[in-house]
Amino acid sequence: MEDIPNKIRNKLGIIPSVKIEKVEGKDIIHIFVKPSSVSISHNGKYYIRSGSNSFELKGEELNNFLIEKSGKTWDEFMEEKAGFNDIHLKTIDEFKKYAADRIPSIVAEKDYQTILEKLNLQEDKKLKKAAILLFGKNPQRFYPVR
């Protein structure tokens, strides 16, 4: 009974509930696994099913799969390599002019970090990838064109 949850944990990284029930004099093992909001790997590898085939996900396919499963889009993730110095403040000033009709309060806002937070482009003083794409001095430094 200890081997089953241990093997499942080692292979899949999840911990099931395992119970034995007697049915007509025989022991029946019930394995219960709670639904997961995150993707489950098998021996540290991720697979996707297509028809009757299973394919291991690698590289960009794996990255895109995990982003999709997270419920976020690529641009919502933090850009760990970027800091506020990578933001072009004049571009934010230009944006404020164009956004005045839709977001009147933005015109009076002087603090650029507050603007980024209100636009949901910054969280805990960390920039999201969208902030770099919209207001970055040099977005190609972070996201080279292929």
N, C-alpha and C. Protein backbone atom coordinates (compact mmCIF):
# COMPACT_ATOMS: atom_id res chain seq x y z
N MET A 1 0.83 -1.20 0.00
CA MET A 1 0.00 0.00 0.00
C MET A 1 0.87 1.26 0.00
N GLU A 2 2.06 1.18 0.55
CA GLU A 2 2.93 2.35 0.55
C GLU A 2 3.61 2.51 -0.81
N ASP A 3 3.84 1.41 -1.50
CA ASP A 3 4.52 1.47 -2.79
C ASP A 3 3.72 2.22 -3.85
N ILE A 4 2.41 2.05 -3.85
CA ILE A 4 1.59 2.65 -4.91
C ILE A 4 1.69 4.18 -4.89
N PRO A 5 1.39 4.86 -3.76
CA PRO A 5 1.50 6.33 -3.79
C PRO A 5 2.94 6.80 -4.01
N ASN A 6 3.91 6.04 -3.50
CA ASN A 6 5.31 6.43 -3.71
C ASN A 6 5.70 6.34 -5.18
N LYS A 7 5.29 5.28 -5.87
CA LYS A 7 5.62 5.13 -7.29
C LYS A 7 4.92 6.20 -8.13
N ILE A 8 3.68 6.49 -7.80
CA ILE A 8 2.95 7.53 -8.55
C ILE A 8 3.61 8.89 -8.32
N ARG A 9 3.97 9.17 -7.08
CA ARG A 9 4.64 10.45 -6.77
C ARG A 9 5.97 10.55 -7.52
N ASN A 10 6.74 9.48 -7.53
CA ASN A 10 8.04 9.49 -8.19
C ASN A 10 7.92 9.65 -9.71
N LYS A 11 6.91 9.05 -10.31
CA LYS A 11 6.74 9.10 -11.76
C LYS A 11 6.03 10.36 -12.24
N LEU A 12 5.00 10.79 -11.48
CA LEU A 12 4.14 11.88 -11.95
C LEU A 12 4.20 13.15 -11.09
N GLY A 13 4.78 13.05 -9.90
CA GLY A 13 4.86 14.22 -9.04
C GLY A 13 3.56 14.57 -8.34
N ILE A 14 2.62 13.64 -8.29
CA ILE A 14 1.36 13.87 -7.59
C ILE A 14 1.20 12.81 -6.51
N ILE A 15 0.41 13.12 -5.49
CA ILE A 15 0.21 12.18 -4.39
C ILE A 15 -1.26 11.78 -4.36
N PRO A 16 -1.54 10.53 -4.71
CA PRO A 16 -2.93 10.06 -4.71
C PRO A 16 -3.35 9.57 -3.32
N SER A 17 -4.64 9.39 -3.18
CA SER A 17 -5.18 8.75 -1.98
C SER A 17 -5.44 7.29 -2.36
N VAL A 18 -4.92 6.36 -1.56
CA VAL A 18 -5.05 4.94 -1.86
C VAL A 18 -5.77 4.26 -0.69
N LYS A 19 -6.83 3.54 -1.02
CA LYS A 19 -7.61 2.83 0.01
C LYS A 19 -7.94 1.42 -0.48
N ILE A 20 -8.05 0.51 0.49
CA ILE A 20 -8.45 -0.86 0.18
C ILE A 20 -9.87 -1.06 0.67
N GLU A 21 -10.67 -1.72 -0.16
CA GLU A 21 -12.05 -2.01 0.19
C GLU A 21 -12.29 -3.49 -0.09
N LYS A 22 -12.99 -4.16 0.80
CA LYS A 22 -13.34 -5.56 0.58
C LYS A 22 -14.65 -5.64 -0.20
N VAL A 23 -14.61 -6.36 -1.33
CA VAL A 23 -15.80 -6.57 -2.15
C VAL A 23 -15.88 -8.05 -2.43
N GLU A 24 -16.95 -8.67 -1.94
CA GLU A 24 -17.16 -10.10 -2.13
C GLU A 24 -15.94 -10.91 -1.71
N GLY A 25 -15.36 -10.51 -0.59
CA GLY A 25 -14.23 -11.23 -0.02
C GLY A 25 -12.89 -10.93 -0.68
N LYS A 26 -12.88 -10.04 -1.65
CA LYS A 26 -11.63 -9.70 -2.33
C LYS A 26 -11.24 -8.26 -2.01
N ASP A 27 -9.92 -8.03 -1.93
CA ASP A 27 -9.43 -6.67 -1.70
C ASP A 27 -9.39 -5.92 -3.03
N ILE A 28 -10.04 -4.75 -3.03
CA ILE A 28 -10.04 -3.88 -4.20
C ILE A 28 -9.27 -2.61 -3.80
N ILE A 29 -8.32 -2.24 -4.62
CA ILE A 29 -7.54 -1.03 -4.36
C ILE A 29 -8.17 0.12 -5.13
N HIS A 30 -8.51 1.19 -4.41
CA HIS A 30 -9.04 2.41 -5.02
C HIS A 30 -7.94 3.47 -4.99
N ILE A 31 -7.65 4.02 -6.14
CA ILE A 31 -6.67 5.09 -6.24
C ILE A 31 -7.42 6.35 -6.67
N PHE A 32 -7.38 7.37 -5.82
CA PHE A 32 -8.07 8.63 -6.08
C PHE A 32 -7.03 9.71 -6.35
N VAL A 33 -7.20 10.39 -7.48
CA VAL A 33 -6.31 11.49 -7.84
C VAL A 33 -7.17 12.73 -8.02
N LYS A 34 -6.83 13.79 -7.28
CA LYS A 34 -7.57 15.04 -7.41
C LYS A 34 -7.23 15.70 -8.74
N PRO A 35 -8.19 16.40 -9.34
CA PRO A 35 -7.89 17.15 -10.56
C PRO A 35 -6.79 18.17 -10.28
N SER A 36 -5.97 18.40 -11.28
CA SER A 36 -4.86 19.33 -11.12
C SER A 36 -5.03 20.52 -12.05
N SER A 37 -4.70 21.70 -11.54
CA SER A 37 -4.77 22.91 -12.38
C SER A 37 -3.46 23.12 -13.14
N VAL A 38 -2.46 22.30 -12.85
CA VAL A 38 -1.18 22.41 -13.55
C VAL A 38 -0.93 21.14 -14.35
N SER A 39 -0.07 21.26 -15.32
CA SER A 39 0.27 20.10 -16.16
C SER A 39 1.09 19.10 -15.36
N ILE A 40 0.90 17.84 -15.66
CA ILE A 40 1.59 16.75 -14.97
C ILE A 40 2.62 16.15 -15.92
N SER A 41 3.83 15.98 -15.41
CA SER A 41 4.87 15.37 -16.23
C SER A 41 5.01 13.89 -15.86
N HIS A 42 5.60 13.13 -16.76
CA HIS A 42 5.92 11.72 -16.51
C HIS A 42 7.43 11.60 -16.60
N ASN A 43 8.05 11.27 -15.47
CA ASN A 43 9.52 11.21 -15.39
C ASN A 43 10.17 12.52 -15.86
N GLY A 44 9.50 13.64 -15.52
CA GLY A 44 10.05 14.95 -15.86
C GLY A 44 9.85 15.38 -17.31
N LYS A 45 9.10 14.60 -18.07
CA LYS A 45 8.82 14.93 -19.47
C LYS A 45 7.32 15.14 -19.65
N TYR A 46 6.99 16.02 -20.59
CA TYR A 46 5.58 16.31 -20.87
C TYR A 46 5.21 15.72 -22.23
N TYR A 47 4.00 15.17 -22.30
CA TYR A 47 3.51 14.53 -23.51
C TYR A 47 2.16 15.11 -23.88
N ILE A 48 1.87 15.04 -25.17
CA ILE A 48 0.56 15.45 -25.65
C ILE A 48 0.03 14.33 -26.54
N ARG A 49 -1.26 14.15 -26.50
CA ARG A 49 -1.90 13.09 -27.27
C ARG A 49 -2.45 13.68 -28.56
N SER A 50 -2.22 13.01 -29.66
CA SER A 50 -2.79 13.39 -30.94
C SER A 50 -3.28 12.11 -31.60
N GLY A 51 -4.58 11.95 -31.63
CA GLY A 51 -5.15 10.70 -32.15
C GLY A 51 -4.74 9.55 -31.26
N SER A 52 -4.17 8.53 -31.85
CA SER A 52 -3.73 7.37 -31.07
C SER A 52 -2.25 7.46 -30.71
N ASN A 53 -1.62 8.58 -30.99
CA ASN A 53 -0.19 8.74 -30.73
C ASN A 53 0.06 9.70 -29.57
N SER A 54 1.15 9.46 -28.86
CA SER A 54 1.62 10.38 -27.83
C SER A 54 2.96 10.94 -28.27
N PHE A 55 3.12 12.24 -28.11
CA PHE A 55 4.36 12.90 -28.51
C PHE A 55 4.93 13.66 -27.33
N GLU A 56 6.26 13.54 -27.16
CA GLU A 56 6.92 14.31 -26.12
C GLU A 56 7.04 15.76 -26.58
N LEU A 57 6.70 16.68 -25.68
CA LEU A 57 6.84 18.10 -25.98
C LEU A 57 8.24 18.56 -25.58
N LYS A 58 8.87 19.30 -26.48
CA LYS A 58 10.22 19.82 -26.22
C LYS A 58 10.30 21.25 -26.71
N GLY A 59 11.29 21.96 -26.20
CA GLY A 59 11.62 23.29 -26.69
C GLY A 59 10.45 24.25 -26.68
N GLU A 60 10.27 24.93 -27.81
CA GLU A 60 9.23 25.96 -27.91
C GLU A 60 7.83 25.38 -27.77
N GLU A 61 7.61 24.17 -28.28
CA GLU A 61 6.30 23.53 -28.12
C GLU A 61 5.96 23.33 -26.64
N LEU A 62 6.94 22.88 -25.87
CA LEU A 62 6.75 22.69 -24.43
C LEU A 62 6.49 24.03 -23.75
N ASN A 63 7.28 25.02 -24.10
CA ASN A 63 7.11 26.34 -23.51
C ASN A 63 5.71 26.88 -23.78
N ASN A 64 5.25 26.82 -25.03
CA ASN A 64 3.92 27.30 -25.39
C ASN A 64 2.82 26.51 -24.69
N PHE A 65 3.01 25.20 -24.57
CA PHE A 65 2.04 24.35 -23.89
C PHE A 65 1.90 24.75 -22.42
N LEU A 66 3.01 24.96 -21.73
CA LEU A 66 2.97 25.31 -20.32
C LEU A 66 2.39 26.71 -20.12
N ILE A 67 2.70 27.63 -21.00
CA ILE A 67 2.11 28.97 -20.91
C ILE A 67 0.60 28.89 -21.08
N GLU A 68 0.16 28.14 -22.08
CA GLU A 68 -1.28 28.00 -22.33
C GLU A 68 -1.99 27.38 -21.13
N LYS A 69 -1.38 26.36 -20.53
CA LYS A 69 -2.00 25.68 -19.40
C LYS A 69 -2.01 26.55 -18.14
N SER A 70 -1.13 27.54 -18.09
CA SER A 70 -1.08 28.41 -16.90
C SER A 70 -2.26 29.36 -16.85
N GLY A 71 -2.97 29.52 -17.99
CA GLY A 71 -4.09 30.44 -18.02
C GLY A 71 -3.66 31.87 -18.31
N LYS A 72 -2.38 32.06 -18.55
CA LYS A 72 -1.86 33.39 -18.87
C LYS A 72 -1.41 33.41 -20.32
N THR A 73 -1.26 34.61 -20.83
CA THR A 73 -0.66 34.75 -22.14
C THR A 73 0.81 35.10 -21.94
N TRP A 74 1.59 34.95 -22.98
CA TRP A 74 3.04 35.17 -22.91
C TRP A 74 3.37 36.54 -22.34
N ASP A 75 2.65 37.57 -22.77
CA ASP A 75 2.98 38.93 -22.37
C ASP A 75 2.60 39.26 -20.92
N GLU A 76 1.85 38.40 -20.26
CA GLU A 76 1.48 38.62 -18.86
C GLU A 76 2.58 38.19 -17.88
N PHE A 77 3.55 37.45 -18.34
CA PHE A 77 4.62 36.98 -17.47
C PHE A 77 5.61 38.11 -17.20
N MET A 78 6.28 38.01 -16.06
CA MET A 78 7.29 39.00 -15.69
C MET A 78 8.51 38.84 -16.59
N GLU A 79 9.13 39.97 -16.90
CA GLU A 79 10.39 39.95 -17.62
C GLU A 79 11.49 40.13 -16.58
N GLU A 80 12.03 39.02 -16.13
CA GLU A 80 12.99 39.03 -15.03
C GLU A 80 14.26 39.81 -15.34
N LYS A 81 14.62 39.90 -16.61
CA LYS A 81 15.87 40.57 -16.97
C LYS A 81 15.71 42.08 -17.13
N ALA A 82 14.48 42.59 -17.04
CA ALA A 82 14.23 44.01 -17.27
C ALA A 82 14.01 44.76 -15.97
N GLY A 83 14.38 46.04 -16.02
CA GLY A 83 14.13 46.93 -14.90
C GLY A 83 13.50 48.22 -15.39
N PHE A 84 13.13 49.08 -14.47
CA PHE A 84 12.46 50.33 -14.83
C PHE A 84 13.32 51.18 -15.76
N ASN A 85 14.64 51.04 -15.67
CA ASN A 85 15.53 51.80 -16.56
C ASN A 85 15.38 51.39 -18.02
N ASP A 86 14.76 50.24 -18.28
CA ASP A 86 14.55 49.79 -19.65
C ASP A 86 13.29 50.40 -20.28
N ILE A 87 12.55 51.19 -19.51
CA ILE A 87 11.31 51.82 -20.00
C ILE A 87 11.62 53.20 -20.56
N HIS A 88 11.03 53.50 -21.71
CA HIS A 88 11.19 54.80 -22.37
C HIS A 88 10.05 55.70 -21.88
N LEU A 89 10.38 56.64 -21.00
CA LEU A 89 9.37 57.47 -20.35
C LEU A 89 8.63 58.38 -21.33
N LYS A 90 9.30 58.84 -22.36
CA LYS A 90 8.64 59.70 -23.35
C LYS A 90 7.53 58.93 -24.09
N THR A 91 7.72 57.64 -24.25
CA THR A 91 6.69 56.81 -24.90
C THR A 91 5.46 56.73 -24.00
N ILE A 92 5.66 56.65 -22.70
CA ILE A 92 4.52 56.66 -21.77
C ILE A 92 3.80 58.00 -21.85
N ASP A 93 4.55 59.11 -21.93
CA ASP A 93 3.93 60.43 -22.07
C ASP A 93 3.08 60.51 -23.34
N GLU A 94 3.60 59.95 -24.44
CA GLU A 94 2.83 59.92 -25.70
C GLU A 94 1.56 59.09 -25.52
N PHE A 95 1.70 57.95 -24.86
CA PHE A 95 0.55 57.08 -24.62
C PHE A 95 -0.51 57.83 -23.82
N LYS A 96 -0.10 58.59 -22.82
CA LYS A 96 -1.04 59.34 -21.98
C LYS A 96 -1.91 60.27 -22.84
N LYS A 97 -1.32 60.88 -23.84
CA LYS A 97 -2.08 61.78 -24.72
C LYS A 97 -3.17 61.02 -25.47
N TYR A 98 -2.79 59.86 -26.02
CA TYR A 98 -3.75 59.07 -26.80
C TYR A 98 -4.80 58.40 -25.92
N ALA A 99 -4.46 58.14 -24.67
CA ALA A 99 -5.37 57.42 -23.77
C ALA A 99 -6.29 58.35 -22.99
N ALA A 100 -6.11 59.65 -23.13
CA ALA A 100 -6.86 60.62 -22.33
C ALA A 100 -8.37 60.45 -22.43
N ASP A 101 -8.87 60.13 -23.62
CA ASP A 101 -10.32 59.96 -23.78
C ASP A 101 -10.85 58.72 -23.06
N ARG A 102 -10.10 57.66 -23.10
CA ARG A 102 -10.55 56.39 -22.51
C ARG A 102 -10.21 56.29 -21.03
N ILE A 103 -9.08 56.88 -20.62
CA ILE A 103 -8.64 56.81 -19.22
C ILE A 103 -8.28 58.24 -18.78
N PRO A 104 -9.29 59.08 -18.51
CA PRO A 104 -9.01 60.49 -18.20
C PRO A 104 -8.06 60.70 -17.02
N SER A 105 -8.09 59.84 -16.03
CA SER A 105 -7.24 60.02 -14.84
C SER A 105 -5.76 59.84 -15.15
N ILE A 106 -5.45 59.23 -16.27
CA ILE A 106 -4.05 58.96 -16.59
C ILE A 106 -3.27 60.24 -16.92
N VAL A 107 -3.95 61.25 -17.43
CA VAL A 107 -3.28 62.49 -17.82
C VAL A 107 -2.64 63.17 -16.61
N ALA A 108 -3.33 63.17 -15.48
CA ALA A 108 -2.82 63.84 -14.28
C ALA A 108 -1.77 63.02 -13.54
N GLU A 109 -1.69 61.74 -13.82
CA GLU A 109 -0.74 60.88 -13.09
C GLU A 109 0.69 61.20 -13.51
N LYS A 110 1.52 61.50 -12.54
CA LYS A 110 2.92 61.87 -12.80
C LYS A 110 3.89 60.71 -12.55
N ASP A 111 3.48 59.77 -11.70
CA ASP A 111 4.38 58.67 -11.34
C ASP A 111 4.26 57.55 -12.39
N TYR A 112 5.34 57.33 -13.11
CA TYR A 112 5.33 56.36 -14.20
C TYR A 112 5.09 54.93 -13.70
N GLN A 113 5.63 54.60 -12.55
CA GLN A 113 5.42 53.24 -12.03
C GLN A 113 3.96 53.02 -11.67
N THR A 114 3.31 54.06 -11.16
CA THR A 114 1.88 53.95 -10.87
C THR A 114 1.09 53.74 -12.15
N ILE A 115 1.48 54.44 -13.21
CA ILE A 115 0.82 54.26 -14.50
C ILE A 115 0.96 52.81 -14.97
N LEU A 116 2.17 52.27 -14.88
CA LEU A 116 2.39 50.88 -15.31
C LEU A 116 1.56 49.91 -14.47
N GLU A 117 1.45 50.17 -13.17
CA GLU A 117 0.65 49.30 -12.31
C GLU A 117 -0.82 49.39 -12.68
N LYS A 118 -1.32 50.61 -12.91
CA LYS A 118 -2.73 50.78 -13.27
C LYS A 118 -3.06 50.14 -14.60
N LEU A 119 -2.07 50.10 -15.49
CA LEU A 119 -2.26 49.44 -16.79
C LEU A 119 -2.01 47.94 -16.71
N ASN A 120 -1.72 47.45 -15.51
CA ASN A 120 -1.45 46.02 -15.28
C ASN A 120 -0.22 45.55 -16.06
N LEU A 121 0.78 46.43 -16.13
CA LEU A 121 2.02 46.11 -16.83
C LEU A 121 3.18 45.92 -15.86
N GLN A 122 2.90 46.07 -14.60
CA GLN A 122 3.93 45.94 -13.56
C GLN A 122 3.27 45.36 -12.32
N GLU A 123 4.02 44.53 -11.61
CA GLU A 123 3.51 43.93 -10.38
C GLU A 123 4.67 43.82 -9.40
N ASP A 124 4.49 44.35 -8.20
CA ASP A 124 5.56 44.35 -7.19
C ASP A 124 6.86 44.91 -7.75
N LYS A 125 6.76 46.00 -8.49
CA LYS A 125 7.91 46.69 -9.08
C LYS A 125 8.63 45.86 -10.15
N LYS A 126 8.01 44.78 -10.60
CA LYS A 126 8.59 43.96 -11.67
C LYS A 126 7.77 44.17 -12.93
N LEU A 127 8.47 44.38 -14.04
CA LEU A 127 7.80 44.63 -15.31
C LEU A 127 7.33 43.34 -15.96
N LYS A 128 6.18 43.44 -16.60
CA LYS A 128 5.71 42.32 -17.41
C LYS A 128 6.26 42.48 -18.82
N LYS A 129 6.25 41.39 -19.55
CA LYS A 129 6.77 41.41 -20.92
C LYS A 129 6.03 42.43 -21.77
N ALA A 130 4.73 42.60 -21.53
CA ALA A 130 3.94 43.57 -22.28
C ALA A 130 4.47 44.98 -22.09
N ALA A 131 4.96 45.30 -20.89
CA ALA A 131 5.51 46.64 -20.63
C ALA A 131 6.73 46.89 -21.51
N ILE A 132 7.56 45.87 -21.67
CA ILE A 132 8.75 46.01 -22.50
C ILE A 132 8.35 46.17 -23.97
N LEU A 133 7.35 45.41 -24.41
CA LEU A 133 6.91 45.52 -25.80
C LEU A 133 6.30 46.89 -26.09
N LEU A 134 5.53 47.42 -25.14
CA LEU A 134 4.85 48.69 -25.36
C LEU A 134 5.73 49.91 -25.13
N PHE A 135 6.52 49.88 -24.05
CA PHE A 135 7.24 51.07 -23.62
C PHE A 135 8.75 50.88 -23.49
N GLY A 136 9.26 49.77 -23.93
CA GLY A 136 10.68 49.49 -23.77
C GLY A 136 11.55 50.35 -24.67
N LYS A 137 12.72 50.72 -24.15
CA LYS A 137 13.70 51.48 -24.95
C LYS A 137 14.22 50.62 -26.10
N ASN A 138 14.44 49.33 -25.81
CA ASN A 138 15.01 48.44 -26.81
C ASN A 138 14.43 47.03 -26.62
N PRO A 139 13.18 46.82 -27.05
CA PRO A 139 12.55 45.50 -26.85
C PRO A 139 13.32 44.36 -27.51
N GLN A 140 14.04 44.66 -28.62
CA GLN A 140 14.79 43.62 -29.32
C GLN A 140 15.90 43.03 -28.46
N ARG A 141 16.34 43.77 -27.48
CA ARG A 141 17.36 43.24 -26.58
C ARG A 141 16.82 42.03 -25.81
N PHE A 142 15.54 42.07 -25.50
CA PHE A 142 14.90 40.99 -24.75
C PHE A 142 14.26 39.95 -25.67
N TYR A 143 13.75 40.40 -26.80
CA TYR A 143 13.01 39.53 -27.71
C TYR A 143 13.54 39.75 -29.13
N PRO A 144 14.67 39.13 -29.46
CA PRO A 144 15.27 39.33 -30.78
C PRO A 144 14.33 38.83 -31.89
N VAL A 145 14.35 39.54 -32.98
CA VAL A 145 13.57 39.15 -34.15
C VAL A 145 14.31 38.00 -34.83
N ARG A 146 13.58 36.97 -35.17
CA ARG A 146 14.20 35.79 -35.81
C ARG A 146 14.11 35.86 -37.30
